[in-house]
Amino acid sequence: MNSLSRMLEVLTLFKPSQPVIDIELICAQLGYTPASAYRYVRELGNAGLLVKMPRGYAVGPKVIELDRHMTQFDPLLSASRDIVGDLVAQTGLELLISELYGSTVITILQESGSSDARLNFGRGTPMDLFHSATARVILAYLLPRQLRKHFDGASAEELRLVGSNWRDFSKVMLKIRKDGYCVSEGELDAGKTGIAAPIFDEKQRILGSITLAGNTERVNAFNREFLSGLITDAARKITARIAG
C-alpha cells in the first residue's frame, strides 16, 4: 500500500460509534506511527477532508461540497431523476439508487413515496454485497473471478442467504441474472421488502442498482410481475442513458 492509499485509509475510520478520531486511535487501528498519522491528518486537513476539533478530527467541509456536487451533477443521478419520480408517484414505495465501490454498496439517492415506506437503512449507509436485493443484484453481475473472491472471503452469516458452498452460491447468482432482478425481505429493515434491478455503465459493467422498497404488506399488494417489470424497465432506461 502506497502512502496515498495509507493516508486515504484514515477516512475509513469514521463510523457512527467513532464520529471523531485522534492520532492515538489512528495508530492503534491502522498500525501507523505517530509521525505518519500526524502527516496524514495534516494533509487531509489542508484538503478540507478533516477538520480539527477539541477531541480530535472530524469529517471536513470539503465532503459537504463534494456531496452537493454529486447530488446535482452525478451522471447516474442525472440519468435517474425523472424515472425515480415517476416510480415513486406510481407505487408510493421508497426508491433507492445505489452504487458499487470496492466491496461495498452505498445508496446515493433515496426518495420516499409515503411515510410508512421510510427505510432505516438508507442514503449513505454502507452495506455488504450479500445482504438485501439492492446489493445482491450487484453481486450477481460481477465477473466470475470477482464472485469467487467475494465468496471465499465471506463470513458464514453472509453466506447464509446465498448458499454455503460454491455450487449453491453460483445457482443463486445465476437465478438473479436469469430473472434480471432480485427480491429480499427483512434483511436490513424488519418488515420491509425490496426488489432491485442492475444498472450498467457504457461498457456493460455493473455500476449499481435501482430498488423499490417498503413495508412488506404494501409491496405484496402489488403483482410481483408488475413490480419486477417496472424496476427492470427503469434500470434498462438508466443504463441506456448512461451509455448514450
Protein backbone atom coordinates (compact mmCIF):
# COMPACT_ATOMS: atom_id res chain seq x y z
CA MET A 1 0.00 0.00 0.00
CA ASN A 2 1.49 3.36 -1.02
CA SER A 3 1.47 6.48 1.15
CA LEU A 4 -1.53 7.99 -0.65
CA SER A 5 -3.60 4.86 -0.01
CA ARG A 6 -2.47 4.84 3.60
CA MET A 7 -3.50 8.47 4.03
CA LEU A 8 -6.95 7.90 2.48
CA GLU A 9 -7.45 4.87 4.71
CA VAL A 10 -7.67 7.28 7.65
CA LEU A 11 -11.09 8.34 6.30
CA THR A 12 -12.39 4.77 6.65
CA LEU A 13 -12.18 5.06 10.43
CA PHE A 14 -15.27 7.28 10.66
CA LYS A 15 -18.43 5.47 11.74
CA PRO A 16 -21.45 6.22 13.96
CA SER A 17 -19.59 4.93 17.01
CA GLN A 18 -16.48 6.88 16.02
CA PRO A 19 -17.55 10.38 14.83
CA VAL A 20 -14.21 11.88 15.90
CA ILE A 21 -10.78 10.29 15.55
CA ASP A 22 -7.40 11.18 17.01
CA ILE A 23 -3.76 10.29 16.49
CA GLU A 24 -3.81 7.55 19.11
CA LEU A 25 -6.83 5.88 17.52
CA ILE A 26 -5.31 6.10 14.03
CA CYS A 27 -2.12 4.45 15.23
CA ALA A 28 -3.98 1.75 17.16
CA GLN A 29 -6.45 0.80 14.43
CA LEU A 30 -4.29 1.24 11.34
CA GLY A 31 -0.88 0.45 12.78
CA TYR A 32 0.68 3.76 11.67
CA THR A 33 3.49 5.52 13.50
CA PRO A 34 2.56 8.81 15.22
CA ALA A 35 4.76 10.70 12.73
CA SER A 36 2.85 9.22 9.79
CA ALA A 37 -0.52 9.79 11.44
CA TYR A 38 0.26 13.46 12.09
CA ARG A 39 1.43 13.89 8.49
CA TYR A 40 -1.69 12.30 7.07
CA VAL A 41 -4.17 14.30 9.17
CA ARG A 42 -2.30 17.49 8.30
CA GLU A 43 -2.60 16.79 4.55
CA LEU A 44 -6.24 15.74 4.85
CA GLY A 45 -6.95 18.87 6.87
CA ASN A 46 -5.28 21.06 4.23
CA ALA A 47 -7.54 19.44 1.62
CA GLY A 48 -10.64 20.15 3.73
CA LEU A 49 -11.37 16.46 4.26
CA LEU A 50 -10.69 16.68 8.01
CA VAL A 51 -11.28 19.47 10.48
CA LYS A 52 -9.62 19.84 13.89
CA MET A 53 -11.97 19.60 16.85
CA PRO A 54 -11.34 19.75 20.63
CA ARG A 55 -11.33 15.93 20.92
CA GLY A 56 -9.59 15.12 17.64
CA TYR A 57 -10.55 15.29 13.98
CA ALA A 58 -13.97 15.21 12.32
CA VAL A 59 -15.07 14.95 8.69
CA GLY A 60 -14.24 18.24 6.99
CA PRO A 61 -16.35 20.71 4.97
CA LYS A 62 -14.92 19.60 1.62
CA VAL A 63 -17.00 16.43 1.98
CA ILE A 64 -20.18 18.55 2.10
CA GLU A 65 -19.06 20.43 -1.00
CA LEU A 66 -18.45 17.17 -2.85
CA ASP A 67 -21.77 15.75 -1.67
CA ARG A 68 -23.59 18.81 -3.03
CA HIS A 69 -21.76 18.45 -6.34
CA MET A 70 -22.67 14.76 -6.52
CA THR A 71 -26.32 15.44 -5.70
CA GLN A 72 -26.58 17.96 -8.52
CA PHE A 73 -24.28 16.60 -11.23
CA ASP A 74 -23.51 12.90 -10.72
CA PRO A 75 -24.12 11.16 -14.11
CA LEU A 76 -26.01 8.26 -12.55
CA LEU A 77 -28.29 10.58 -10.60
CA SER A 78 -28.80 12.85 -13.62
CA ALA A 79 -29.89 9.84 -15.67
CA SER A 80 -32.29 8.68 -12.95
CA ARG A 81 -34.20 11.66 -11.56
CA ASP A 82 -37.33 11.69 -13.73
CA ILE A 83 -37.54 7.89 -13.65
CA VAL A 84 -37.28 7.93 -9.86
CA GLY A 85 -40.06 10.49 -9.58
CA ASP A 86 -42.36 8.50 -11.86
CA LEU A 87 -41.85 5.23 -9.97
CA VAL A 88 -42.38 6.81 -6.56
CA ALA A 89 -45.56 8.52 -7.76
CA GLN A 90 -46.82 5.31 -9.35
CA THR A 91 -46.17 2.98 -6.42
CA GLY A 92 -45.89 5.10 -3.26
CA LEU A 93 -42.84 3.00 -2.35
CA GLU A 94 -39.35 4.05 -1.36
CA LEU A 95 -36.89 4.20 -4.24
CA LEU A 96 -33.13 3.83 -3.96
CA ILE A 97 -30.33 4.40 -6.44
CA SER A 98 -27.22 2.64 -5.18
CA GLU A 99 -23.65 2.40 -6.41
CA LEU A 100 -20.84 -0.12 -6.06
CA TYR A 101 -17.37 0.74 -4.81
CA GLY A 102 -14.90 -1.93 -3.84
CA SER A 103 -16.72 -4.50 -1.72
CA THR A 104 -19.37 -2.05 -0.56
CA VAL A 105 -22.68 -0.75 -1.88
CA ILE A 106 -23.80 2.77 -0.98
CA THR A 107 -27.22 4.30 -1.63
CA ILE A 108 -26.66 7.69 -3.28
CA LEU A 109 -30.31 8.68 -3.78
CA GLN A 110 -33.34 7.93 -1.63
CA GLU A 111 -36.87 9.12 -2.47
CA SER A 112 -39.89 8.40 -0.30
CA GLY A 113 -43.38 7.77 -1.59
CA SER A 114 -45.21 7.65 1.76
CA SER A 115 -44.40 7.95 5.43
CA ASP A 116 -44.92 4.25 6.14
CA ALA A 117 -42.39 3.25 3.48
CA ARG A 118 -39.45 5.11 5.02
CA LEU A 119 -36.39 2.90 5.44
CA ASN A 120 -33.94 2.98 8.32
CA PHE A 121 -31.15 1.71 6.08
CA GLY A 122 -30.97 4.49 3.51
CA ARG A 123 -28.75 7.02 1.79
CA GLY A 124 -25.09 6.99 2.77
CA THR A 125 -25.23 3.80 4.83
CA PRO A 126 -22.75 1.19 3.57
CA MET A 127 -23.93 -2.37 3.05
CA ASP A 128 -22.08 -5.56 2.23
CA LEU A 129 -22.66 -7.35 -1.07
CA PHE A 130 -24.63 -10.27 0.42
CA HIS A 131 -27.50 -8.63 2.32
CA SER A 132 -30.52 -7.09 0.58
CA ALA A 133 -31.75 -7.14 -3.00
CA THR A 134 -30.06 -3.77 -3.52
CA ALA A 135 -26.60 -5.24 -3.02
CA ARG A 136 -27.13 -8.84 -4.10
CA VAL A 137 -28.33 -7.87 -7.57
CA ILE A 138 -24.99 -6.10 -7.99
CA LEU A 139 -23.04 -9.07 -6.66
CA ALA A 140 -24.68 -11.39 -9.20
CA TYR A 141 -23.31 -9.40 -12.14
CA LEU A 142 -19.68 -9.25 -11.05
CA LEU A 143 -17.08 -11.11 -13.11
CA PRO A 144 -16.63 -14.80 -12.21
CA ARG A 145 -13.21 -14.22 -10.62
CA GLN A 146 -14.69 -11.40 -8.52
CA LEU A 147 -17.58 -13.61 -7.45
CA ARG A 148 -15.17 -16.32 -6.35
CA LYS A 149 -13.10 -13.81 -4.40
CA HIS A 150 -16.14 -12.46 -2.56
CA PHE A 151 -17.46 -15.96 -1.88
CA ASP A 152 -14.12 -17.11 -0.46
CA GLY A 153 -13.88 -14.03 1.77
CA ALA A 154 -17.47 -14.10 3.05
CA SER A 155 -18.45 -14.99 6.58
CA ALA A 156 -20.81 -17.85 7.39
CA GLU A 157 -23.50 -15.32 8.30
CA GLU A 158 -23.19 -13.61 4.89
CA LEU A 159 -23.31 -16.92 3.04
CA ARG A 160 -26.41 -17.99 4.95
CA LEU A 161 -28.53 -16.04 2.47
CA VAL A 162 -26.85 -17.21 -0.74
CA GLY A 163 -25.57 -20.75 -0.17
CA SER A 164 -22.77 -22.08 1.98
CA ASN A 165 -20.98 -23.86 -0.87
CA TRP A 166 -19.83 -22.62 -4.26
CA ARG A 167 -22.37 -24.66 -6.25
CA ASP A 168 -25.38 -23.35 -4.32
CA PHE A 169 -24.00 -19.84 -4.35
CA SER A 170 -23.49 -19.99 -8.13
CA LYS A 171 -27.08 -21.18 -8.61
CA VAL A 172 -28.42 -18.22 -6.63
CA MET A 173 -26.32 -15.79 -8.67
CA LEU A 174 -27.39 -17.42 -11.94
CA LYS A 175 -31.07 -17.18 -11.00
CA ILE A 176 -30.74 -13.46 -10.29
CA ARG A 177 -29.11 -12.92 -13.69
CA LYS A 178 -31.77 -15.05 -15.39
CA ASP A 179 -34.61 -13.15 -13.70
CA GLY A 180 -32.97 -9.76 -14.18
CA TYR A 181 -33.93 -8.67 -10.67
CA CYS A 182 -33.62 -9.69 -7.01
CA VAL A 183 -36.10 -9.70 -4.11
CA SER A 184 -35.29 -9.65 -0.40
CA GLU A 185 -37.44 -9.47 2.72
CA GLY A 186 -36.48 -8.19 6.16
CA GLU A 187 -32.72 -8.46 5.61
CA LEU A 188 -31.81 -4.87 6.52
CA ASP A 189 -35.09 -3.50 7.86
CA ALA A 190 -37.53 -5.78 9.65
CA GLY A 191 -40.91 -5.89 7.93
CA LYS A 192 -39.58 -4.29 4.74
CA THR A 193 -39.24 -5.89 1.29
CA GLY A 194 -37.15 -4.69 -1.63
CA ILE A 195 -36.99 -5.53 -5.32
CA ALA A 196 -33.91 -4.39 -7.24
CA ALA A 197 -32.52 -4.44 -10.78
CA PRO A 198 -28.96 -3.86 -12.03
CA ILE A 199 -27.63 -0.70 -13.67
CA PHE A 200 -24.63 -0.94 -16.01
CA ASP A 201 -22.08 1.53 -17.36
CA GLU A 202 -21.31 2.26 -21.02
CA LYS A 203 -19.20 -0.92 -21.26
CA GLN A 204 -21.92 -3.07 -19.69
CA ARG A 205 -20.01 -3.42 -16.43
CA ILE A 206 -22.13 -3.47 -13.28
CA LEU A 207 -22.36 0.04 -11.84
CA GLY A 208 -25.14 -0.07 -9.28
CA SER A 209 -28.80 -0.84 -8.78
CA ILE A 210 -32.27 0.64 -8.53
CA THR A 211 -34.60 -0.61 -5.78
CA LEU A 212 -38.26 -0.27 -4.91
CA ALA A 213 -38.81 -0.97 -1.22
CA GLY A 214 -41.35 -0.55 1.52
CA ASN A 215 -43.45 -2.32 4.12
CA THR A 216 -43.83 -5.96 3.09
CA GLU A 217 -47.62 -5.77 3.24
CA ARG A 218 -47.62 -2.80 0.87
CA VAL A 219 -45.14 -4.39 -1.54
CA ASN A 220 -47.14 -7.63 -1.59
CA ALA A 221 -50.26 -5.68 -2.51
CA PHE A 222 -48.72 -5.26 -5.95
CA ASN A 223 -48.49 -8.03 -8.51
CA ARG A 224 -44.87 -9.27 -8.43
CA GLU A 225 -44.62 -9.28 -12.22
CA PHE A 226 -45.84 -5.69 -12.30
CA LEU A 227 -43.17 -4.51 -9.86
CA SER A 228 -40.39 -6.52 -11.49
CA GLY A 229 -41.39 -5.11 -14.85
CA LEU A 230 -41.31 -1.56 -13.52
CA ILE A 231 -37.90 -1.91 -11.90
CA THR A 232 -36.17 -3.77 -14.73
CA ASP A 233 -37.54 -1.34 -17.33
CA ALA A 234 -36.31 1.60 -15.24
CA ALA A 235 -32.86 0.01 -14.91
CA ARG A 236 -32.64 -0.51 -18.68
CA LYS A 237 -33.59 3.11 -19.34
CA ILE A 238 -30.98 4.42 -16.92
CA THR A 239 -28.32 2.12 -18.39
CA ALA A 240 -29.16 3.34 -21.92
CA ARG A 241 -28.90 6.98 -20.86
CA ILE A 242 -25.51 6.39 -19.24
CA ALA A 243 -24.27 4.62 -22.38
CA GLY A 244 -25.55 7.43 -24.55
